Amino acid sequence: MATVTLKGNPIHTSGELPTKGTQAPDFRLTRGNLEDVSLRSFAGQRKILTVNPSFGTSVCRATTRRFNEQAARLNNTVVLAVTADLPFAQSGFCEAEGLSNVVPLSLMRNRDFGRDYGLLLVDGPFEGLLARAVIVLDEHDRVVYTELVPEIANEPDYASVFAALGA
């Protein structure tokens, strides 16, 4: 169990992020067209998993915009934007913002992602949502970088994420 804060108040997660160098846990998440996807759906690509509580918050929207902007410059890399929002809301946000370089994915049908990646919030006002984090995987789904953002109201360390990709 890890601890993050929301405006200085402690909140606990369901576990710990996967360790650098380990194989990432597989997942089943839902796209906007209601298709379920897994790590195999993005085989052979590097992956940035940008995990956020909800696109309904300004920080989550800003984070997704920033990764969308940077994704266009990255070779063989897909950005997966994971939230607990319904796929329809995710797609609506991305379409309205013109965000075509991120793949929004929802926990709608399966919350195992939150538990397996140690990111499900287990208390506080965001209980049941996901903590803000970034996980970078190589082409073989090995973890090369993780960041659990200590304060949910803050954005991640973008420079370290892109440095882990050699960008």
N, C-alpha and C. Protein backbone atom coordinates (compact mmCIF):
# COMPACT_ATOMS: atom_id res chain seq x y z
N MET A 1 0.85 -1.17 0.00
CA MET A 1 0.00 0.00 0.00
C MET A 1 0.89 1.23 0.00
N ALA A 2 0.61 2.15 -0.90
CA ALA A 2 1.35 3.42 -0.97
C ALA A 2 0.42 4.53 -0.49
N THR A 3 1.02 5.65 -0.16
CA THR A 3 0.24 6.81 0.27
C THR A 3 0.53 7.97 -0.67
N VAL A 4 -0.52 8.61 -1.15
CA VAL A 4 -0.44 9.86 -1.90
C VAL A 4 -1.28 10.87 -1.15
N THR A 5 -1.29 12.10 -1.62
CA THR A 5 -2.13 13.10 -0.98
C THR A 5 -3.03 13.76 -2.01
N LEU A 6 -4.12 14.29 -1.51
CA LEU A 6 -5.02 15.13 -2.29
C LEU A 6 -5.16 16.42 -1.51
N LYS A 7 -4.52 17.46 -2.04
CA LYS A 7 -4.47 18.77 -1.36
C LYS A 7 -3.96 18.62 0.07
N GLY A 8 -2.92 17.78 0.20
CA GLY A 8 -2.25 17.58 1.48
C GLY A 8 -2.84 16.51 2.37
N ASN A 9 -4.01 16.00 2.05
CA ASN A 9 -4.64 14.96 2.87
C ASN A 9 -4.24 13.58 2.37
N PRO A 10 -3.77 12.70 3.26
CA PRO A 10 -3.31 11.38 2.82
C PRO A 10 -4.43 10.48 2.32
N ILE A 11 -4.10 9.75 1.25
CA ILE A 11 -5.00 8.77 0.64
C ILE A 11 -4.14 7.54 0.33
N HIS A 12 -4.70 6.38 0.49
CA HIS A 12 -3.95 5.14 0.29
C HIS A 12 -4.35 4.44 -1.00
N THR A 13 -3.36 3.77 -1.58
CA THR A 13 -3.60 2.98 -2.78
C THR A 13 -3.70 1.51 -2.39
N SER A 14 -4.12 0.70 -3.33
CA SER A 14 -4.31 -0.73 -3.10
C SER A 14 -3.01 -1.52 -3.06
N GLY A 15 -1.91 -0.90 -3.42
CA GLY A 15 -0.64 -1.64 -3.45
C GLY A 15 0.50 -0.75 -3.90
N GLU A 16 1.44 -1.37 -4.58
CA GLU A 16 2.63 -0.67 -5.08
C GLU A 16 2.69 -0.80 -6.60
N LEU A 17 3.33 0.17 -7.24
CA LEU A 17 3.56 0.09 -8.68
C LEU A 17 4.47 -1.09 -9.01
N PRO A 18 4.34 -1.63 -10.21
CA PRO A 18 5.29 -2.67 -10.63
C PRO A 18 6.72 -2.12 -10.58
N THR A 19 7.66 -2.99 -10.29
CA THR A 19 9.05 -2.60 -10.14
C THR A 19 9.74 -2.50 -11.50
N LYS A 20 10.63 -1.53 -11.63
CA LYS A 20 11.42 -1.37 -12.84
C LYS A 20 12.14 -2.68 -13.15
N GLY A 21 12.09 -3.10 -14.41
CA GLY A 21 12.74 -4.32 -14.85
C GLY A 21 11.84 -5.54 -14.84
N THR A 22 10.65 -5.42 -14.23
CA THR A 22 9.74 -6.57 -14.18
C THR A 22 8.79 -6.54 -15.37
N GLN A 23 8.16 -7.67 -15.61
CA GLN A 23 7.14 -7.78 -16.64
C GLN A 23 5.88 -7.08 -16.14
N ALA A 24 5.29 -6.23 -16.96
CA ALA A 24 4.06 -5.52 -16.57
C ALA A 24 2.90 -6.50 -16.50
N PRO A 25 2.02 -6.34 -15.52
CA PRO A 25 0.81 -7.18 -15.47
C PRO A 25 -0.06 -6.91 -16.71
N ASP A 26 -0.64 -7.95 -17.24
CA ASP A 26 -1.57 -7.77 -18.35
C ASP A 26 -2.82 -7.08 -17.81
N PHE A 27 -3.64 -6.59 -18.70
CA PHE A 27 -4.87 -5.92 -18.28
C PHE A 27 -5.96 -6.13 -19.31
N ARG A 28 -7.18 -5.84 -18.88
CA ARG A 28 -8.32 -5.79 -19.79
C ARG A 28 -9.00 -4.46 -19.51
N LEU A 29 -8.90 -3.56 -20.49
CA LEU A 29 -9.51 -2.23 -20.39
C LEU A 29 -10.39 -2.00 -21.61
N THR A 30 -11.27 -1.01 -21.54
CA THR A 30 -12.27 -0.81 -22.59
C THR A 30 -12.04 0.50 -23.33
N ARG A 31 -12.05 0.41 -24.67
CA ARG A 31 -11.91 1.58 -25.54
C ARG A 31 -13.28 2.25 -25.75
N GLY A 32 -13.25 3.39 -26.41
CA GLY A 32 -14.47 4.15 -26.67
C GLY A 32 -15.49 3.42 -27.53
N ASN A 33 -15.03 2.49 -28.37
CA ASN A 33 -15.95 1.71 -29.21
C ASN A 33 -16.44 0.45 -28.48
N LEU A 34 -16.16 0.36 -27.18
CA LEU A 34 -16.53 -0.73 -26.28
C LEU A 34 -15.77 -2.03 -26.54
N GLU A 35 -14.69 -1.94 -27.30
CA GLU A 35 -13.79 -3.08 -27.51
C GLU A 35 -12.87 -3.19 -26.30
N ASP A 36 -12.71 -4.40 -25.79
CA ASP A 36 -11.75 -4.64 -24.72
C ASP A 36 -10.37 -4.86 -25.33
N VAL A 37 -9.35 -4.32 -24.67
CA VAL A 37 -7.98 -4.45 -25.13
C VAL A 37 -7.11 -4.92 -23.97
N SER A 38 -5.93 -5.43 -24.33
CA SER A 38 -4.95 -5.90 -23.35
C SER A 38 -3.57 -5.41 -23.81
N LEU A 39 -2.54 -5.77 -23.08
CA LEU A 39 -1.19 -5.42 -23.52
C LEU A 39 -0.91 -5.98 -24.91
N ARG A 40 -1.42 -7.19 -25.18
CA ARG A 40 -1.19 -7.81 -26.50
C ARG A 40 -1.74 -6.96 -27.64
N SER A 41 -2.73 -6.14 -27.35
CA SER A 41 -3.31 -5.28 -28.39
C SER A 41 -2.31 -4.25 -28.90
N PHE A 42 -1.26 -4.02 -28.12
CA PHE A 42 -0.25 -3.02 -28.48
C PHE A 42 1.13 -3.67 -28.58
N ALA A 43 1.16 -4.94 -28.95
CA ALA A 43 2.39 -5.72 -29.01
C ALA A 43 3.43 -5.05 -29.90
N GLY A 44 4.67 -5.12 -29.46
CA GLY A 44 5.79 -4.59 -30.25
C GLY A 44 5.99 -3.10 -30.13
N GLN A 45 5.12 -2.41 -29.41
CA GLN A 45 5.26 -0.96 -29.24
C GLN A 45 5.69 -0.64 -27.81
N ARG A 46 6.41 0.46 -27.66
CA ARG A 46 6.65 0.99 -26.32
C ARG A 46 5.33 1.62 -25.87
N LYS A 47 5.10 1.61 -24.57
CA LYS A 47 3.84 2.11 -24.05
C LYS A 47 4.08 3.09 -22.93
N ILE A 48 3.37 4.21 -22.99
CA ILE A 48 3.29 5.13 -21.86
C ILE A 48 1.88 4.98 -21.32
N LEU A 49 1.75 4.51 -20.10
CA LEU A 49 0.46 4.43 -19.44
C LEU A 49 0.35 5.66 -18.56
N THR A 50 -0.47 6.61 -18.97
CA THR A 50 -0.73 7.78 -18.15
C THR A 50 -2.04 7.51 -17.44
N VAL A 51 -1.95 7.36 -16.13
CA VAL A 51 -3.09 6.93 -15.31
C VAL A 51 -3.57 8.13 -14.51
N ASN A 52 -4.87 8.39 -14.59
CA ASN A 52 -5.46 9.57 -13.95
C ASN A 52 -6.79 9.20 -13.30
N PRO A 53 -7.19 9.94 -12.27
CA PRO A 53 -8.49 9.66 -11.64
C PRO A 53 -9.65 9.81 -12.61
N SER A 54 -9.73 10.96 -13.31
CA SER A 54 -10.88 11.24 -14.18
C SER A 54 -10.57 12.41 -15.11
N PHE A 55 -11.02 12.31 -16.35
CA PHE A 55 -10.88 13.44 -17.26
C PHE A 55 -11.74 14.62 -16.82
N GLY A 56 -12.52 14.44 -15.77
CA GLY A 56 -13.35 15.52 -15.24
C GLY A 56 -12.57 16.53 -14.42
N THR A 57 -11.28 16.29 -14.19
CA THR A 57 -10.48 17.25 -13.42
C THR A 57 -9.52 17.99 -14.36
N SER A 58 -9.21 19.21 -14.01
CA SER A 58 -8.34 20.03 -14.87
C SER A 58 -6.94 19.45 -14.99
N VAL A 59 -6.40 18.86 -13.94
CA VAL A 59 -5.06 18.30 -13.99
C VAL A 59 -5.03 17.08 -14.91
N CYS A 60 -6.05 16.25 -14.84
CA CYS A 60 -6.13 15.08 -15.73
C CYS A 60 -6.21 15.51 -17.19
N ARG A 61 -7.00 16.52 -17.44
CA ARG A 61 -7.12 17.03 -18.82
C ARG A 61 -5.79 17.59 -19.30
N ALA A 62 -5.11 18.37 -18.45
CA ALA A 62 -3.83 18.97 -18.83
C ALA A 62 -2.78 17.89 -19.08
N THR A 63 -2.76 16.88 -18.24
CA THR A 63 -1.80 15.78 -18.40
C THR A 63 -2.04 15.07 -19.74
N THR A 64 -3.27 14.79 -20.05
CA THR A 64 -3.60 14.09 -21.29
C THR A 64 -3.24 14.94 -22.50
N ARG A 65 -3.52 16.23 -22.43
CA ARG A 65 -3.14 17.13 -23.53
C ARG A 65 -1.63 17.11 -23.76
N ARG A 66 -0.87 17.16 -22.67
CA ARG A 66 0.60 17.19 -22.77
C ARG A 66 1.12 15.90 -23.39
N PHE A 67 0.62 14.76 -22.93
CA PHE A 67 1.08 13.49 -23.52
C PHE A 67 0.64 13.38 -24.97
N ASN A 68 -0.53 13.86 -25.32
CA ASN A 68 -0.98 13.86 -26.71
C ASN A 68 -0.02 14.66 -27.59
N GLU A 69 0.38 15.81 -27.11
CA GLU A 69 1.31 16.68 -27.86
C GLU A 69 2.66 15.98 -28.07
N GLN A 70 3.19 15.37 -27.03
CA GLN A 70 4.50 14.72 -27.11
C GLN A 70 4.47 13.42 -27.90
N ALA A 71 3.34 12.72 -27.87
CA ALA A 71 3.25 11.42 -28.52
C ALA A 71 3.53 11.49 -30.01
N ALA A 72 3.19 12.59 -30.63
CA ALA A 72 3.41 12.74 -32.07
C ALA A 72 4.90 12.69 -32.41
N ARG A 73 5.76 12.97 -31.44
CA ARG A 73 7.21 13.01 -31.67
C ARG A 73 7.91 11.69 -31.34
N LEU A 74 7.18 10.72 -30.83
CA LEU A 74 7.79 9.48 -30.35
C LEU A 74 7.61 8.35 -31.35
N ASN A 75 8.69 7.67 -31.66
CA ASN A 75 8.64 6.54 -32.58
C ASN A 75 8.22 5.28 -31.85
N ASN A 76 7.41 4.48 -32.51
CA ASN A 76 7.00 3.16 -32.01
C ASN A 76 6.51 3.21 -30.56
N THR A 77 5.75 4.25 -30.24
CA THR A 77 5.27 4.44 -28.87
C THR A 77 3.79 4.80 -28.90
N VAL A 78 3.01 4.14 -28.06
CA VAL A 78 1.60 4.43 -27.92
C VAL A 78 1.37 4.99 -26.52
N VAL A 79 0.51 6.00 -26.42
CA VAL A 79 0.14 6.57 -25.12
C VAL A 79 -1.25 6.07 -24.77
N LEU A 80 -1.33 5.34 -23.66
CA LEU A 80 -2.60 4.80 -23.17
C LEU A 80 -3.03 5.62 -21.97
N ALA A 81 -4.16 6.32 -22.10
CA ALA A 81 -4.67 7.20 -21.04
C ALA A 81 -5.76 6.45 -20.29
N VAL A 82 -5.44 5.99 -19.08
CA VAL A 82 -6.32 5.12 -18.31
C VAL A 82 -7.01 5.92 -17.21
N THR A 83 -8.35 5.84 -17.17
CA THR A 83 -9.14 6.45 -16.10
C THR A 83 -10.31 5.53 -15.76
N ALA A 84 -11.03 5.90 -14.72
CA ALA A 84 -12.24 5.17 -14.35
C ALA A 84 -13.47 5.72 -15.08
N ASP A 85 -13.29 6.76 -15.89
CA ASP A 85 -14.41 7.34 -16.63
C ASP A 85 -15.01 6.32 -17.59
N LEU A 86 -16.27 6.50 -17.92
CA LEU A 86 -16.89 5.65 -18.94
C LEU A 86 -16.24 5.94 -20.30
N PRO A 87 -16.16 4.93 -21.16
CA PRO A 87 -15.54 5.12 -22.46
C PRO A 87 -16.17 6.26 -23.27
N PHE A 88 -17.48 6.46 -23.14
CA PHE A 88 -18.16 7.52 -23.89
C PHE A 88 -17.66 8.90 -23.46
N ALA A 89 -17.48 9.08 -22.16
CA ALA A 89 -16.98 10.36 -21.65
C ALA A 89 -15.53 10.57 -22.09
N GLN A 90 -14.73 9.52 -22.03
CA GLN A 90 -13.34 9.62 -22.47
C GLN A 90 -13.25 10.03 -23.94
N SER A 91 -14.01 9.33 -24.78
CA SER A 91 -13.99 9.62 -26.21
C SER A 91 -14.50 11.03 -26.49
N GLY A 92 -15.55 11.44 -25.78
CA GLY A 92 -16.08 12.79 -25.96
C GLY A 92 -15.05 13.85 -25.63
N PHE A 93 -14.32 13.67 -24.52
CA PHE A 93 -13.27 14.62 -24.15
C PHE A 93 -12.19 14.66 -25.22
N CYS A 94 -11.69 13.50 -25.63
CA CYS A 94 -10.60 13.46 -26.61
C CYS A 94 -11.04 14.05 -27.96
N GLU A 95 -12.25 13.75 -28.38
CA GLU A 95 -12.74 14.31 -29.64
C GLU A 95 -12.90 15.82 -29.55
N ALA A 96 -13.49 16.32 -28.46
CA ALA A 96 -13.69 17.76 -28.30
C ALA A 96 -12.36 18.52 -28.26
N GLU A 97 -11.33 17.88 -27.72
CA GLU A 97 -10.01 18.51 -27.59
C GLU A 97 -9.11 18.25 -28.79
N GLY A 98 -9.55 17.39 -29.72
CA GLY A 98 -8.72 17.04 -30.87
C GLY A 98 -7.51 16.20 -30.49
N LEU A 99 -7.66 15.35 -29.48
CA LEU A 99 -6.55 14.53 -29.00
C LEU A 99 -6.56 13.19 -29.73
N SER A 100 -5.75 13.08 -30.75
CA SER A 100 -5.75 11.87 -31.57
C SER A 100 -4.51 11.00 -31.34
N ASN A 101 -3.59 11.44 -30.48
CA ASN A 101 -2.36 10.70 -30.26
C ASN A 101 -2.35 9.94 -28.94
N VAL A 102 -3.49 9.87 -28.27
CA VAL A 102 -3.62 9.07 -27.06
C VAL A 102 -4.77 8.10 -27.26
N VAL A 103 -4.69 6.96 -26.59
CA VAL A 103 -5.75 5.96 -26.63
C VAL A 103 -6.41 5.96 -25.25
N PRO A 104 -7.62 6.52 -25.13
CA PRO A 104 -8.28 6.50 -23.83
C PRO A 104 -8.81 5.10 -23.52
N LEU A 105 -8.56 4.65 -22.29
CA LEU A 105 -8.98 3.32 -21.85
C LEU A 105 -9.67 3.42 -20.49
N SER A 106 -10.74 2.67 -20.35
CA SER A 106 -11.59 2.74 -19.16
C SER A 106 -11.55 1.45 -18.34
N LEU A 107 -11.75 1.63 -17.03
CA LEU A 107 -11.90 0.50 -16.11
C LEU A 107 -13.32 -0.05 -16.12
N MET A 108 -14.16 0.40 -17.01
CA MET A 108 -15.59 0.14 -16.98
C MET A 108 -15.94 -1.32 -16.66
N ARG A 109 -15.30 -2.27 -17.32
CA ARG A 109 -15.67 -3.68 -17.15
C ARG A 109 -14.76 -4.45 -16.20
N ASN A 110 -13.64 -3.86 -15.84
CA ASN A 110 -12.68 -4.63 -15.07
C ASN A 110 -11.79 -3.71 -14.25
N ARG A 111 -11.85 -3.80 -12.95
CA ARG A 111 -11.04 -2.96 -12.06
C ARG A 111 -9.72 -3.61 -11.67
N ASP A 112 -9.42 -4.78 -12.25
CA ASP A 112 -8.17 -5.47 -11.89
C ASP A 112 -6.95 -4.61 -12.19
N PHE A 113 -6.99 -3.79 -13.24
CA PHE A 113 -5.87 -2.92 -13.57
C PHE A 113 -5.46 -2.11 -12.34
N GLY A 114 -6.43 -1.49 -11.69
CA GLY A 114 -6.14 -0.65 -10.51
C GLY A 114 -5.47 -1.44 -9.40
N ARG A 115 -5.93 -2.64 -9.16
CA ARG A 115 -5.34 -3.49 -8.11
C ARG A 115 -3.98 -4.03 -8.55
N ASP A 116 -3.89 -4.54 -9.79
CA ASP A 116 -2.65 -5.16 -10.27
C ASP A 116 -1.51 -4.16 -10.38
N TYR A 117 -1.83 -2.92 -10.67
CA TYR A 117 -0.81 -1.88 -10.78
C TYR A 117 -0.67 -1.07 -9.49
N GLY A 118 -1.42 -1.45 -8.45
CA GLY A 118 -1.31 -0.80 -7.14
C GLY A 118 -1.84 0.61 -7.10
N LEU A 119 -2.77 0.95 -7.99
CA LEU A 119 -3.20 2.34 -8.15
C LEU A 119 -4.65 2.62 -7.75
N LEU A 120 -5.40 1.61 -7.36
CA LEU A 120 -6.78 1.83 -6.95
C LEU A 120 -6.78 2.57 -5.61
N LEU A 121 -7.47 3.70 -5.55
CA LEU A 121 -7.55 4.46 -4.31
C LEU A 121 -8.56 3.78 -3.39
N VAL A 122 -8.15 3.49 -2.16
CA VAL A 122 -8.98 2.70 -1.25
C VAL A 122 -9.65 3.53 -0.16
N ASP A 123 -9.37 4.84 -0.11
CA ASP A 123 -10.04 5.71 0.84
C ASP A 123 -10.01 7.14 0.32
N GLY A 124 -10.59 8.05 1.06
CA GLY A 124 -10.62 9.46 0.66
C GLY A 124 -11.73 9.75 -0.33
N PRO A 125 -11.85 11.01 -0.74
CA PRO A 125 -12.95 11.40 -1.62
C PRO A 125 -12.90 10.78 -3.02
N PHE A 126 -11.73 10.31 -3.45
CA PHE A 126 -11.59 9.68 -4.77
C PHE A 126 -11.58 8.17 -4.67
N GLU A 127 -12.03 7.61 -3.55
CA GLU A 127 -12.05 6.16 -3.37
C GLU A 127 -12.72 5.49 -4.56
N GLY A 128 -12.07 4.45 -5.08
CA GLY A 128 -12.60 3.73 -6.24
C GLY A 128 -12.05 4.22 -7.56
N LEU A 129 -11.42 5.42 -7.56
CA LEU A 129 -10.75 5.92 -8.76
C LEU A 129 -9.29 5.49 -8.72
N LEU A 130 -8.49 5.98 -9.65
CA LEU A 130 -7.08 5.63 -9.73
C LEU A 130 -6.21 6.79 -9.28
N ALA A 131 -5.09 6.48 -8.65
CA ALA A 131 -4.08 7.49 -8.33
C ALA A 131 -3.43 7.95 -9.63
N ARG A 132 -2.86 9.13 -9.61
CA ARG A 132 -2.16 9.65 -10.79
C ARG A 132 -0.77 9.00 -10.85
N ALA A 133 -0.46 8.42 -12.00
CA ALA A 133 0.83 7.75 -12.17
C ALA A 133 1.19 7.68 -13.64
N VAL A 134 2.45 7.39 -13.90
CA VAL A 134 2.92 7.11 -15.25
C VAL A 134 3.78 5.85 -15.18
N ILE A 135 3.53 4.95 -16.11
CA ILE A 135 4.30 3.72 -16.22
C ILE A 135 4.75 3.61 -17.67
N VAL A 136 6.04 3.43 -17.88
CA VAL A 136 6.58 3.29 -19.23
C VAL A 136 7.04 1.85 -19.40
N LEU A 137 6.60 1.25 -20.50
CA LEU A 137 6.95 -0.14 -20.83
C LEU A 137 7.73 -0.17 -22.14
N ASP A 138 8.68 -1.09 -22.23
CA ASP A 138 9.39 -1.26 -23.49
C ASP A 138 8.55 -2.12 -24.45
N GLU A 139 9.13 -2.46 -25.58
CA GLU A 139 8.42 -3.22 -26.61
C GLU A 139 8.03 -4.63 -26.15
N HIS A 140 8.67 -5.09 -25.08
CA HIS A 140 8.42 -6.44 -24.55
C HIS A 140 7.61 -6.39 -23.25
N ASP A 141 7.01 -5.24 -22.97
CA ASP A 141 6.16 -5.02 -21.79
C ASP A 141 6.92 -5.11 -20.47
N ARG A 142 8.21 -4.80 -20.52
CA ARG A 142 8.99 -4.70 -19.29
C ARG A 142 8.93 -3.25 -18.82
N VAL A 143 8.82 -3.09 -17.52
CA VAL A 143 8.72 -1.76 -16.91
C VAL A 143 10.09 -1.07 -16.97
N VAL A 144 10.13 0.10 -17.59
CA VAL A 144 11.39 0.87 -17.65
C VAL A 144 11.33 2.14 -16.81
N TYR A 145 10.13 2.55 -16.41
CA TYR A 145 9.99 3.76 -15.60
C TYR A 145 8.63 3.75 -14.92
N THR A 146 8.60 4.21 -13.68
CA THR A 146 7.33 4.43 -12.99
C THR A 146 7.40 5.71 -12.18
N GLU A 147 6.26 6.34 -12.06
CA GLU A 147 6.11 7.49 -11.17
C GLU A 147 4.71 7.46 -10.58
N LEU A 148 4.63 7.35 -9.29
CA LEU A 148 3.38 7.57 -8.57
C LEU A 148 3.44 9.02 -8.14
N VAL A 149 2.59 9.86 -8.73
CA VAL A 149 2.63 11.29 -8.42
C VAL A 149 2.19 11.47 -6.97
N PRO A 150 3.06 12.03 -6.12
CA PRO A 150 2.77 12.07 -4.68
C PRO A 150 1.55 12.92 -4.31
N GLU A 151 1.27 13.96 -5.07
CA GLU A 151 0.11 14.83 -4.82
C GLU A 151 -0.79 14.72 -6.03
N ILE A 152 -1.98 14.17 -5.84
CA ILE A 152 -2.91 13.94 -6.96
C ILE A 152 -3.20 15.22 -7.74
N ALA A 153 -3.16 16.35 -7.09
CA ALA A 153 -3.47 17.62 -7.75
C ALA A 153 -2.31 18.14 -8.60
N ASN A 154 -1.19 17.40 -8.68
CA ASN A 154 -0.03 17.81 -9.48
C ASN A 154 0.10 16.95 -10.72
N GLU A 155 0.77 17.51 -11.73
CA GLU A 155 1.07 16.77 -12.94
C GLU A 155 2.32 15.92 -12.74
N PRO A 156 2.53 14.92 -13.57
CA PRO A 156 3.73 14.08 -13.44
C PRO A 156 4.99 14.81 -13.91
N ASP A 157 6.12 14.16 -13.72
CA ASP A 157 7.42 14.66 -14.15
C ASP A 157 7.65 14.26 -15.60
N TYR A 158 7.18 15.09 -16.51
CA TYR A 158 7.24 14.77 -17.94
C TYR A 158 8.68 14.54 -18.41
N ALA A 159 9.61 15.35 -17.95
CA ALA A 159 11.00 15.24 -18.41
C ALA A 159 11.56 13.85 -18.12
N SER A 160 11.25 13.31 -16.94
CA SER A 160 11.76 11.97 -16.60
C SER A 160 11.10 10.88 -17.42
N VAL A 161 9.82 11.06 -17.73
CA VAL A 161 9.11 10.09 -18.57
C VAL A 161 9.78 10.02 -19.94
N PHE A 162 10.01 11.17 -20.56
CA PHE A 162 10.56 11.18 -21.91
C PHE A 162 12.04 10.80 -21.91
N ALA A 163 12.76 11.09 -20.83
CA ALA A 163 14.15 10.64 -20.71
C ALA A 163 14.21 9.11 -20.66
N ALA A 164 13.24 8.48 -19.99
CA ALA A 164 13.22 7.01 -19.93
C ALA A 164 13.05 6.39 -21.31
N LEU A 165 12.46 7.14 -22.22
CA LEU A 165 12.27 6.68 -23.61
C LEU A 165 13.41 7.11 -24.53
N GLY A 166 14.37 7.84 -23.97
CA GLY A 166 15.46 8.35 -24.78
C GLY A 166 15.06 9.49 -25.68
N ALA A 167 13.97 10.16 -25.32
CA ALA A 167 13.46 11.27 -26.16
C ALA A 167 13.91 12.62 -25.62
